[in-house]
Amino acid sequence: MHRFNCGNLESLKQEGIRESLLAFHKKWYSANIMELVVTGKHTLEYLEKWVTEMFSAVENKDVVEPNLGEPKHPFTHDNLSTLIRFKPIKDSDTIEI
């Protein structure tokens, strides 16, 4: 959460960005280094069926996870146990924390 940057349509139009994203996807988009969390009001059996249908096609490229240094996880000791709530307001792309 504290290390993720995001872009927009304008930033994606910059020279070479699309090609860089496609190369990143081709190299690193591998099932063996992904994790998925699913929550919902449906039964566990339904959620498992849905996840299997939607994600079983993700290729396992046997990628070795890179060492990105510490911390590995996006949450540090300083922001663990912090509850963040947000409510979407109509079609706004704004979040206040």
Protein backbone atom coordinates (compact mmCIF):
# COMPACT_ATOMS: atom_id res chain seq x y z
CA MET A 1 0.00 0.00 0.00
CA HIS A 2 2.84 2.40 0.67
CA ARG A 3 4.97 1.24 -2.30
CA PHE A 4 2.39 1.08 -5.08
CA ASN A 5 2.21 3.87 -7.62
CA CYS A 6 -0.63 4.17 -10.05
CA GLY A 7 -1.10 5.86 -13.35
CA ASN A 8 -3.82 7.08 -15.61
CA LEU A 9 -4.64 7.16 -19.31
CA GLU A 10 -2.28 10.09 -19.85
CA SER A 11 0.68 8.34 -18.19
CA LEU A 12 0.01 5.20 -20.24
CA LYS A 13 0.34 7.24 -23.45
CA GLN A 14 4.00 8.02 -22.70
CA GLU A 15 6.53 6.59 -25.15
CA GLY A 16 7.48 2.99 -24.37
CA ILE A 17 5.19 2.53 -21.35
CA ARG A 18 2.86 0.02 -23.02
CA GLU A 19 5.76 -2.06 -24.29
CA SER A 20 7.39 -2.01 -20.85
CA LEU A 21 4.15 -3.15 -19.20
CA LEU A 22 3.69 -5.96 -21.72
CA ALA A 23 7.30 -7.13 -21.19
CA PHE A 24 6.78 -7.04 -17.40
CA HIS A 25 3.59 -9.08 -17.76
CA LYS A 26 5.27 -11.62 -20.03
CA LYS A 27 8.16 -12.11 -17.60
CA TRP A 28 6.51 -11.94 -14.18
CA TYR A 29 2.82 -12.90 -14.63
CA SER A 30 3.18 -16.42 -13.27
CA ALA A 31 0.87 -18.46 -11.05
CA ASN A 32 3.66 -19.72 -8.81
CA ILE A 33 4.40 -16.27 -7.36
CA MET A 34 0.80 -15.05 -7.09
CA GLU A 35 -1.54 -15.05 -4.15
CA LEU A 36 -5.28 -14.50 -4.20
CA VAL A 37 -7.73 -13.60 -1.46
CA VAL A 38 -11.43 -13.96 -2.12
CA THR A 39 -14.27 -12.96 0.13
CA GLY A 40 -17.96 -12.99 -0.57
CA LYS A 41 -21.42 -13.81 0.67
CA HIS A 42 -21.55 -17.01 -1.40
CA THR A 43 -20.75 -20.49 -0.16
CA LEU A 44 -17.17 -21.68 -0.04
CA GLU A 45 -17.99 -24.25 -2.73
CA TYR A 46 -19.32 -21.57 -5.08
CA LEU A 47 -16.36 -19.26 -4.47
CA GLU A 48 -13.91 -22.12 -5.04
CA LYS A 49 -15.65 -23.06 -8.30
CA TRP A 50 -15.64 -19.45 -9.46
CA VAL A 51 -11.96 -18.93 -8.61
CA THR A 52 -11.00 -22.17 -10.36
CA GLU A 53 -12.89 -21.12 -13.49
CA MET A 54 -11.46 -17.60 -13.50
CA PHE A 55 -7.83 -18.21 -12.52
CA SER A 56 -6.82 -21.76 -13.46
CA ALA A 57 -5.67 -20.55 -16.88
CA VAL A 58 -2.91 -18.38 -15.35
CA GLU A 59 0.30 -19.97 -16.58
CA ASN A 60 2.93 -21.24 -14.16
CA LYS A 61 6.23 -20.09 -15.61
CA ASP A 62 8.21 -21.28 -12.55
CA VAL A 63 9.44 -17.73 -12.01
CA VAL A 64 11.83 -17.24 -9.11
CA GLU A 65 10.48 -14.45 -6.95
CA PRO A 66 12.88 -11.51 -6.95
CA ASN A 67 14.33 -10.22 -3.70
CA LEU A 68 12.97 -6.70 -3.45
CA GLY A 69 14.55 -6.02 -0.08
CA GLU A 70 12.76 -5.40 3.16
CA PRO A 71 9.95 -5.19 3.85
CA LYS A 72 8.66 -7.88 1.50
CA HIS A 73 5.07 -7.11 2.34
CA PRO A 74 3.44 -3.74 1.63
CA PHE A 75 2.64 -3.17 5.30
CA THR A 76 5.40 -2.23 7.69
CA HIS A 77 5.43 -2.57 11.47
CA ASP A 78 4.30 1.07 11.71
CA ASN A 79 1.08 0.52 9.76
CA LEU A 80 0.06 -2.95 10.91
CA SER A 81 -3.16 -3.12 12.92
CA THR A 82 -4.43 0.03 11.20
CA LEU A 83 -8.03 -0.07 10.07
CA ILE A 84 -8.71 1.90 6.91
CA ARG A 85 -12.27 2.37 5.75
CA PHE A 86 -13.52 4.10 2.65
CA LYS A 87 -16.88 4.63 1.02
CA PRO A 88 -17.28 5.11 -2.72
CA ILE A 89 -19.13 8.32 -3.52
CA LYS A 90 -20.99 8.03 -6.80
CA ASP A 91 -18.58 7.72 -9.76
CA SER A 92 -15.69 9.50 -8.06
CA ASP A 93 -12.10 8.25 -8.38
CA THR A 94 -11.11 9.85 -5.07
CA ILE A 95 -10.24 8.14 -1.83
CA GLU A 96 -9.76 9.90 1.49
CA ILE A 97 -7.93 8.15 4.30
